[in-house]
Amino acid sequence: MITIRPSKQRGGGDHGWLNTRHSFSFDTYYDPRFMGFRSLRVINEDVVQPGHGFPMHPHRDMEIITYVLEGALEHQDSLGTGSVIRPGDGQRMSAGKGIRHSEKNPSLSDPAHLLQIWILPERPGLEPSYEQKAFPEEEKRGKLRLIAAPGGEDDSVTIHQDAKLYVSLLEPGEEVSHQLGKGRHAWLQVAKGTVDLDGNSLTQGDGAAISNEQKLSVKGLESAEILLFDLA
């Protein structure tokens, strides 16, 4: 079963310095039909204007992944981490028993376009931690590249949940497939472009919840970037 979450039905709004769209209930946007999917709790698509960002603020008991599509995002946290997240990077912050962090667009001219992803952890009270790796474009071109998984499988970043995140870049006509194990579910998020998911046309910002399917096939209809979550 494939359930489409159309981009135009997402929550969020334009706050001037931040234009944000929420696939699931978040902040002041609440829809009891969309509280998350399996362990996936938040997918926010954010465009942060130059020189602006999120000031230092707390989190706890959440696996937070930031995936930058365009521009860059400067990260600082209470662990002493300072980094710049760029397109192609896989970044994971485990908030665990408590962490504070800030994220800012360091550019004075270009907006930062990103996906902010929250996944519920396997248990509360984990030690806070941070990890970031670069995944070259050639590793994602026309194939599914694992960028986050339990135990850091296949040189991905480690997340503390039975979940895997794959990314793929597809040109028109290119196709990738993914086998779902028994009892597994998936969420597909279209970050850029347009794709066909088993006969369903999805465009930028659309998502799809997938259950009771054994195999998924995603084909590029135009140049596209997709995120695929394999979930317990």
C-alpha atoms as a PDB file:
ATOM      1  CA  MET A   1       0.000   0.000   0.000  1.00  0.00           C
ATOM      2  CA  ILE A   2       1.337   3.419  -1.012  1.00  0.00           C
ATOM      3  CA  THR A   3      -0.135   6.561   0.575  1.00  0.00           C
ATOM      4  CA  ILE A   4       0.898   9.848  -1.023  1.00  0.00           C
ATOM      5  CA  ARG A   5       1.553  12.942   1.117  1.00  0.00           C
ATOM      6  CA  PRO A   6       1.265  15.814  -1.403  1.00  0.00           C
ATOM      7  CA  SER A   7       3.650  18.731  -1.011  1.00  0.00           C
ATOM      8  CA  LYS A   8       0.860  21.304  -1.238  1.00  0.00           C
ATOM      9  CA  GLN A   9      -0.896  19.809   1.797  1.00  0.00           C
ATOM     10  CA  ARG A  10       2.063  20.210   4.144  1.00  0.00           C
ATOM     11  CA  GLY A  11       2.042  22.633   7.066  1.00  0.00           C
ATOM     12  CA  GLY A  12       4.449  25.471   7.770  1.00  0.00           C
ATOM     13  CA  GLY A  13       4.741  28.934   6.268  1.00  0.00           C
ATOM     14  CA  ASP A  14       6.930  31.856   5.280  1.00  0.00           C
ATOM     15  CA  HIS A  15       8.438  33.673   8.267  1.00  0.00           C
ATOM     16  CA  GLY A  16      10.631  36.002   6.244  1.00  0.00           C
ATOM     17  CA  TRP A  17      14.027  34.657   7.299  1.00  0.00           C
ATOM     18  CA  LEU A  18      12.673  31.080   7.102  1.00  0.00           C
ATOM     19  CA  ASN A  19      10.346  29.428   4.628  1.00  0.00           C
ATOM     20  CA  THR A  20       9.407  26.027   6.005  1.00  0.00           C
ATOM     21  CA  ARG A  21       7.154  23.116   5.055  1.00  0.00           C
ATOM     22  CA  HIS A  22       6.274  20.307   7.473  1.00  0.00           C
ATOM     23  CA  SER A  23       5.373  16.816   6.243  1.00  0.00           C
ATOM     24  CA  PHE A  24       4.297  15.925   9.807  1.00  0.00           C
ATOM     25  CA  SER A  25       2.846  17.881  12.728  1.00  0.00           C
ATOM     26  CA  PHE A  26       5.478  20.274  14.064  1.00  0.00           C
ATOM     27  CA  ASP A  27       5.552  23.438  16.177  1.00  0.00           C
ATOM     28  CA  THR A  28       2.243  25.273  15.635  1.00  0.00           C
ATOM     29  CA  TYR A  29       1.167  22.955  12.787  1.00  0.00           C
ATOM     30  CA  TYR A  30      -0.956  20.079  14.037  1.00  0.00           C
ATOM     31  CA  ASP A  31      -2.741  17.419  12.043  1.00  0.00           C
ATOM     32  CA  PRO A  32      -3.596  14.209  13.943  1.00  0.00           C
ATOM     33  CA  ARG A  33      -3.450  12.272  10.652  1.00  0.00           C
ATOM     34  CA  PHE A  34       0.212  13.165  10.185  1.00  0.00           C
ATOM     35  CA  MET A  35       2.092  12.747  13.448  1.00  0.00           C
ATOM     36  CA  GLY A  36       4.970  10.855  11.831  1.00  0.00           C
ATOM     37  CA  PHE A  37       5.431   7.464  10.220  1.00  0.00           C
ATOM     38  CA  ARG A  38       6.851   4.557  12.221  1.00  0.00           C
ATOM     39  CA  SER A  39       9.981   5.940  13.954  1.00  0.00           C
ATOM     40  CA  LEU A  40      10.161   8.864  11.511  1.00  0.00           C
ATOM     41  CA  ARG A  41       8.815  11.898  13.370  1.00  0.00           C
ATOM     42  CA  VAL A  42       9.806  15.037  11.421  1.00  0.00           C
ATOM     43  CA  ILE A  43      10.621  15.966   7.828  1.00  0.00           C
ATOM     44  CA  ASN A  44      10.844  19.737   7.484  1.00  0.00           C
ATOM     45  CA  GLU A  45      11.913  21.368   4.247  1.00  0.00           C
ATOM     46  CA  ASP A  46      13.563  24.667   5.181  1.00  0.00           C
ATOM     47  CA  VAL A  47      14.901  27.583   3.168  1.00  0.00           C
ATOM     48  CA  VAL A  48      16.998  29.817   5.434  1.00  0.00           C
ATOM     49  CA  GLN A  49      17.797  33.304   4.182  1.00  0.00           C
ATOM     50  CA  PRO A  50      21.419  34.561   4.085  1.00  0.00           C
ATOM     51  CA  GLY A  51      22.891  35.433   7.468  1.00  0.00           C
ATOM     52  CA  HIS A  52      19.966  33.958   9.401  1.00  0.00           C
ATOM     53  CA  GLY A  53      19.423  30.721  11.283  1.00  0.00           C
ATOM     54  CA  PHE A  54      18.258  28.903  14.381  1.00  0.00           C
ATOM     55  CA  PRO A  55      19.830  30.260  17.609  1.00  0.00           C
ATOM     56  CA  MET A  56      21.155  27.938  20.305  1.00  0.00           C
ATOM     57  CA  HIS A  57      18.286  25.763  21.566  1.00  0.00           C
ATOM     58  CA  PRO A  58      17.865  22.418  23.375  1.00  0.00           C
ATOM     59  CA  HIS A  59      16.853  18.942  22.196  1.00  0.00           C
ATOM     60  CA  ARG A  60      16.666  15.566  23.875  1.00  0.00           C
ATOM     61  CA  ASP A  61      15.864  11.950  22.959  1.00  0.00           C
ATOM     62  CA  MET A  62      15.878  12.392  19.184  1.00  0.00           C
ATOM     63  CA  GLU A  63      18.104  11.361  16.272  1.00  0.00           C
ATOM     64  CA  ILE A  64      18.407  14.502  14.127  1.00  0.00           C
ATOM     65  CA  ILE A  65      19.660  14.393  10.542  1.00  0.00           C
ATOM     66  CA  THR A  66      20.318  17.533   8.513  1.00  0.00           C
ATOM     67  CA  TYR A  67      20.518  17.049   4.753  1.00  0.00           C
ATOM     68  CA  VAL A  68      21.529  20.160   2.808  1.00  0.00           C
ATOM     69  CA  LEU A  69      20.293  20.457  -0.781  1.00  0.00           C
ATOM     70  CA  GLU A  70      21.716  23.870  -1.686  1.00  0.00           C
ATOM     71  CA  GLY A  71      23.981  26.343   0.078  1.00  0.00           C
ATOM     72  CA  ALA A  72      25.502  25.538   3.463  1.00  0.00           C
ATOM     73  CA  LEU A  73      24.596  25.424   7.143  1.00  0.00           C
ATOM     74  CA  GLU A  74      26.969  26.200   9.997  1.00  0.00           C
ATOM     75  CA  HIS A  75      26.499  23.946  13.046  1.00  0.00           C
ATOM     76  CA  GLN A  76      27.639  24.483  16.638  1.00  0.00           C
ATOM     77  CA  ASP A  77      26.651  22.502  19.724  1.00  0.00           C
ATOM     78  CA  SER A  78      27.245  22.086  23.436  1.00  0.00           C
ATOM     79  CA  LEU A  79      29.607  19.161  22.761  1.00  0.00           C
ATOM     80  CA  GLY A  80      32.042  21.668  21.274  1.00  0.00           C
ATOM     81  CA  THR A  81      31.334  20.629  17.685  1.00  0.00           C
ATOM     82  CA  GLY A  82      31.731  23.255  14.999  1.00  0.00           C
ATOM     83  CA  SER A  83      31.175  22.302  11.371  1.00  0.00           C
ATOM     84  CA  VAL A  84      29.711  23.427   8.062  1.00  0.00           C
ATOM     85  CA  ILE A  85      27.208  21.072   6.424  1.00  0.00           C
ATOM     86  CA  ARG A  86      27.210  21.148   2.616  1.00  0.00           C
ATOM     87  CA  PRO A  87      25.229  19.365  -0.125  1.00  0.00           C
ATOM     88  CA  GLY A  88      26.064  15.666  -0.160  1.00  0.00           C
ATOM     89  CA  ASP A  89      27.013  15.487   3.514  1.00  0.00           C
ATOM     90  CA  GLY A  90      25.333  13.088   5.903  1.00  0.00           C
ATOM     91  CA  GLN A  91      25.054  14.695   9.344  1.00  0.00           C
ATOM     92  CA  ARG A  92      23.608  13.076  12.452  1.00  0.00           C
ATOM     93  CA  MET A  93      23.195  14.490  15.931  1.00  0.00           C
ATOM     94  CA  SER A  94      21.956  12.243  18.736  1.00  0.00           C
ATOM     95  CA  ALA A  95      20.305  14.545  21.253  1.00  0.00           C
ATOM     96  CA  GLY A  96      20.076  11.765  23.841  1.00  0.00           C
ATOM     97  CA  LYS A  97      19.791  12.968  27.426  1.00  0.00           C
ATOM     98  CA  GLY A  98      20.245  16.577  26.341  1.00  0.00           C
ATOM     99  CA  ILE A  99      22.126  18.772  23.883  1.00  0.00           C
ATOM    100  CA  ARG A 100      22.024  22.385  22.719  1.00  0.00           C
ATOM    101  CA  HIS A 101      22.856  23.465  19.185  1.00  0.00           C
ATOM    102  CA  SER A 102      22.551  26.274  16.670  1.00  0.00           C
ATOM    103  CA  GLU A 103      22.388  26.262  12.881  1.00  0.00           C
ATOM    104  CA  LYS A 104      23.045  29.320  10.733  1.00  0.00           C
ATOM    105  CA  ASN A 105      23.317  30.092   7.049  1.00  0.00           C
ATOM    106  CA  PRO A 106      26.850  31.548   6.900  1.00  0.00           C
ATOM    107  CA  SER A 107      26.407  33.039   3.434  1.00  0.00           C
ATOM    108  CA  LEU A 108      25.601  36.727   3.059  1.00  0.00           C
ATOM    109  CA  SER A 109      24.180  36.232  -0.432  1.00  0.00           C
ATOM    110  CA  ASP A 110      22.783  32.726  -0.961  1.00  0.00           C
ATOM    111  CA  PRO A 111      19.883  30.957   0.815  1.00  0.00           C
ATOM    112  CA  ALA A 112      20.364  27.534   2.384  1.00  0.00           C
ATOM    113  CA  HIS A 113      17.891  24.821   1.326  1.00  0.00           C
ATOM    114  CA  LEU A 114      17.756  21.742   3.545  1.00  0.00           C
ATOM    115  CA  LEU A 115      15.736  18.900   4.983  1.00  0.00           C
ATOM    116  CA  GLN A 116      15.572  18.593   8.754  1.00  0.00           C
ATOM    117  CA  ILE A 117      14.781  15.015   9.778  1.00  0.00           C
ATOM    118  CA  TRP A 118      13.959  13.674  13.244  1.00  0.00           C
ATOM    119  CA  ILE A 119      13.868   9.965  14.068  1.00  0.00           C
ATOM    120  CA  LEU A 120      12.820   8.593  17.450  1.00  0.00           C
ATOM    121  CA  PRO A 121      15.737   6.803  19.166  1.00  0.00           C
ATOM    122  CA  GLU A 122      15.761   3.158  20.183  1.00  0.00           C
ATOM    123  CA  ARG A 123      15.690   4.204  23.843  1.00  0.00           C
ATOM    124  CA  PRO A 124      15.771   7.427  25.893  1.00  0.00           C
ATOM    125  CA  GLY A 125      18.783   8.755  27.738  1.00  0.00           C
ATOM    126  CA  LEU A 126      21.523   8.023  25.192  1.00  0.00           C
ATOM    127  CA  GLU A 127      24.797   9.917  25.399  1.00  0.00           C
ATOM    128  CA  PRO A 128      24.656  12.936  23.067  1.00  0.00           C
ATOM    129  CA  SER A 129      26.924  12.621  20.023  1.00  0.00           C
ATOM    130  CA  TYR A 130      27.631  14.105  16.603  1.00  0.00           C
ATOM    131  CA  GLU A 131      28.807  12.650  13.290  1.00  0.00           C
ATOM    132  CA  GLN A 132      29.250  14.001   9.771  1.00  0.00           C
ATOM    133  CA  LYS A 133      30.510  12.397   6.562  1.00  0.00           C
ATOM    134  CA  ALA A 134      30.687  13.424   2.903  1.00  0.00           C
ATOM    135  CA  PHE A 135      29.026  11.195   0.290  1.00  0.00           C
ATOM    136  CA  PRO A 136      30.303  12.008  -3.216  1.00  0.00           C
ATOM    137  CA  GLU A 137      27.772  12.531  -5.990  1.00  0.00           C
ATOM    138  CA  GLU A 138      29.087   9.563  -7.981  1.00  0.00           C
ATOM    139  CA  GLU A 139      28.119   7.209  -5.137  1.00  0.00           C
ATOM    140  CA  LYS A 140      24.473   8.334  -5.439  1.00  0.00           C
ATOM    141  CA  ARG A 141      24.143   8.757  -9.197  1.00  0.00           C
ATOM    142  CA  GLY A 142      21.665   6.164 -10.474  1.00  0.00           C
ATOM    143  CA  LYS A 143      21.906   4.077  -7.293  1.00  0.00           C
ATOM    144  CA  LEU A 144      20.721   4.073  -3.697  1.00  0.00           C
ATOM    145  CA  ARG A 145      23.537   5.126  -1.361  1.00  0.00           C
ATOM    146  CA  LEU A 146      23.111   4.273   2.313  1.00  0.00           C
ATOM    147  CA  ILE A 147      24.005   7.382   4.342  1.00  0.00           C
ATOM    148  CA  ALA A 148      22.592   6.538   7.811  1.00  0.00           C
ATOM    149  CA  ALA A 149      22.073   3.175   9.492  1.00  0.00           C
ATOM    150  CA  PRO A 150      22.417   1.327  12.805  1.00  0.00           C
ATOM    151  CA  GLY A 151      26.074   0.619  13.465  1.00  0.00           C
ATOM    152  CA  GLY A 152      27.240   2.800  10.583  1.00  0.00           C
ATOM    153  CA  GLU A 153      26.758   0.037   8.015  1.00  0.00           C
ATOM    154  CA  ASP A 154      28.491   0.559   4.636  1.00  0.00           C
ATOM    155  CA  ASP A 155      30.447   3.532   5.990  1.00  0.00           C
ATOM    156  CA  SER A 156      27.270   5.497   6.733  1.00  0.00           C
ATOM    157  CA  VAL A 157      26.681   7.673   9.782  1.00  0.00           C
ATOM    158  CA  THR A 158      25.317   5.794  12.792  1.00  0.00           C
ATOM    159  CA  ILE A 159      21.744   6.282  13.987  1.00  0.00           C
ATOM    160  CA  HIS A 160      20.384   4.705  17.154  1.00  0.00           C
ATOM    161  CA  GLN A 161      17.208   3.197  15.700  1.00  0.00           C
ATOM    162  CA  ASP A 162      16.248   0.288  13.454  1.00  0.00           C
ATOM    163  CA  ALA A 163      16.073   2.550  10.419  1.00  0.00           C
ATOM    164  CA  LYS A 164      18.123   3.162   7.296  1.00  0.00           C
ATOM    165  CA  LEU A 165      18.296   6.233   5.087  1.00  0.00           C
ATOM    166  CA  TYR A 166      19.273   5.998   1.422  1.00  0.00           C
ATOM    167  CA  VAL A 167      19.803   8.833  -1.069  1.00  0.00           C
ATOM    168  CA  SER A 168      19.773   8.692  -4.862  1.00  0.00           C
ATOM    169  CA  LEU A 169      20.282  11.099  -7.756  1.00  0.00           C
ATOM    170  CA  LEU A 170      18.282  10.150 -10.835  1.00  0.00           C
ATOM    171  CA  GLU A 171      18.271  11.439 -14.394  1.00  0.00           C
ATOM    172  CA  PRO A 172      15.224  10.889 -16.651  1.00  0.00           C
ATOM    173  CA  GLY A 173      14.877   7.182 -17.331  1.00  0.00           C
ATOM    174  CA  GLU A 174      17.222   6.072 -14.547  1.00  0.00           C
ATOM    175  CA  GLU A 175      15.649   3.642 -12.092  1.00  0.00           C
ATOM    176  CA  VAL A 176      16.515   2.250  -8.681  1.00  0.00           C
ATOM    177  CA  SER A 177      14.788  -0.530  -6.768  1.00  0.00           C
ATOM    178  CA  HIS A 178      14.736  -1.511  -3.121  1.00  0.00           C
ATOM    179  CA  GLN A 179      13.659  -4.761  -1.495  1.00  0.00           C
ATOM    180  CA  LEU A 180      11.752  -4.411   1.758  1.00  0.00           C
ATOM    181  CA  GLY A 181      12.180  -7.155   4.333  1.00  0.00           C
ATOM    182  CA  LYS A 182       9.214  -8.872   5.948  1.00  0.00           C
ATOM    183  CA  GLY A 183       7.327  -6.462   8.190  1.00  0.00           C
ATOM    184  CA  ARG A 184       9.375  -3.456   7.004  1.00  0.00           C
ATOM    185  CA  HIS A 185       7.953  -0.128   5.902  1.00  0.00           C
ATOM    186  CA  ALA A 186       9.344   2.773   3.883  1.00  0.00           C
ATOM    187  CA  TRP A 187       8.954   6.484   3.387  1.00  0.00           C
ATOM    188  CA  LEU A 188      10.017   8.156   0.136  1.00  0.00           C
ATOM    189  CA  GLN A 189      10.693  11.906   0.133  1.00  0.00           C
ATOM    190  CA  VAL A 190      11.263  13.712  -3.144  1.00  0.00           C
ATOM    191  CA  ALA A 191      13.825  16.441  -2.468  1.00  0.00           C
ATOM    192  CA  LYS A 192      14.143  17.640  -6.065  1.00  0.00           C
ATOM    193  CA  GLY A 193      12.589  16.898  -9.443  1.00  0.00           C
ATOM    194  CA  THR A 194       9.913  14.374 -10.397  1.00  0.00           C
ATOM    195  CA  VAL A 195       9.894  10.577 -10.129  1.00  0.00           C
ATOM    196  CA  ASP A 196       7.606   7.633 -10.709  1.00  0.00           C
ATOM    197  CA  LEU A 197       7.063   5.362  -7.694  1.00  0.00           C
ATOM    198  CA  ASP A 198       5.448   2.150  -8.898  1.00  0.00           C
ATOM    199  CA  GLY A 199       3.039   4.054 -11.153  1.00  0.00           C
ATOM    200  CA  ASN A 200       2.609   7.099  -8.898  1.00  0.00           C
ATOM    201  CA  SER A 201       4.046  10.405 -10.103  1.00  0.00           C
ATOM    202  CA  LEU A 202       5.699  12.360  -7.280  1.00  0.00           C
ATOM    203  CA  THR A 203       7.241  15.801  -7.525  1.00  0.00           C
ATOM    204  CA  GLN A 204       9.443  17.982  -5.327  1.00  0.00           C
ATOM    205  CA  GLY A 205       8.192  18.053  -1.732  1.00  0.00           C
ATOM    206  CA  ASP A 206       5.888  15.038  -2.107  1.00  0.00           C
ATOM    207  CA  GLY A 207       6.253  12.091   0.247  1.00  0.00           C
ATOM    208  CA  ALA A 208       4.892   8.558   0.261  1.00  0.00           C
ATOM    209  CA  ALA A 209       4.254   6.105   3.101  1.00  0.00           C
ATOM    210  CA  ILE A 210       4.776   2.518   1.977  1.00  0.00           C
ATOM    211  CA  SER A 211       3.579  -0.610   3.789  1.00  0.00           C
ATOM    212  CA  ASN A 212       2.879  -4.215   2.791  1.00  0.00           C
ATOM    213  CA  GLU A 213       5.063  -3.961  -0.304  1.00  0.00           C
ATOM    214  CA  GLN A 214       7.976  -6.276  -1.057  1.00  0.00           C
ATOM    215  CA  LYS A 215       9.815  -4.224  -3.667  1.00  0.00           C
ATOM    216  CA  LEU A 216       9.874  -0.552  -4.604  1.00  0.00           C
ATOM    217  CA  SER A 217      10.921   0.893  -7.940  1.00  0.00           C
ATOM    218  CA  VAL A 218      11.654   4.590  -8.369  1.00  0.00           C
ATOM    219  CA  LYS A 219      12.264   6.025 -11.844  1.00  0.00           C
ATOM    220  CA  GLY A 220      13.419   9.530 -12.709  1.00  0.00           C
ATOM    221  CA  LEU A 221      10.963  11.488 -14.871  1.00  0.00           C
ATOM    222  CA  GLU A 222      13.204  14.545 -14.718  1.00  0.00           C
ATOM    223  CA  SER A 223      16.448  15.204 -12.817  1.00  0.00           C
ATOM    224  CA  ALA A 224      15.641  14.236  -9.236  1.00  0.00           C
ATOM    225  CA  GLU A 225      17.042  13.690  -5.760  1.00  0.00           C
ATOM    226  CA  ILE A 226      15.243  11.299  -3.425  1.00  0.00           C
ATOM    227  CA  LEU A 227      15.532  10.131   0.180  1.00  0.00           C
ATOM    228  CA  LEU A 228      14.289   6.637   1.016  1.00  0.00           C
ATOM    229  CA  PHE A 229      13.768   5.537   4.619  1.00  0.00           C
ATOM    230  CA  ASP A 230      13.616   1.781   5.403  1.00  0.00           C
ATOM    231  CA  LEU A 231      11.778   1.501   8.737  1.00  0.00           C
ATOM    232  CA  ALA A 232      10.800  -1.177  11.224  1.00  0.00           C
END
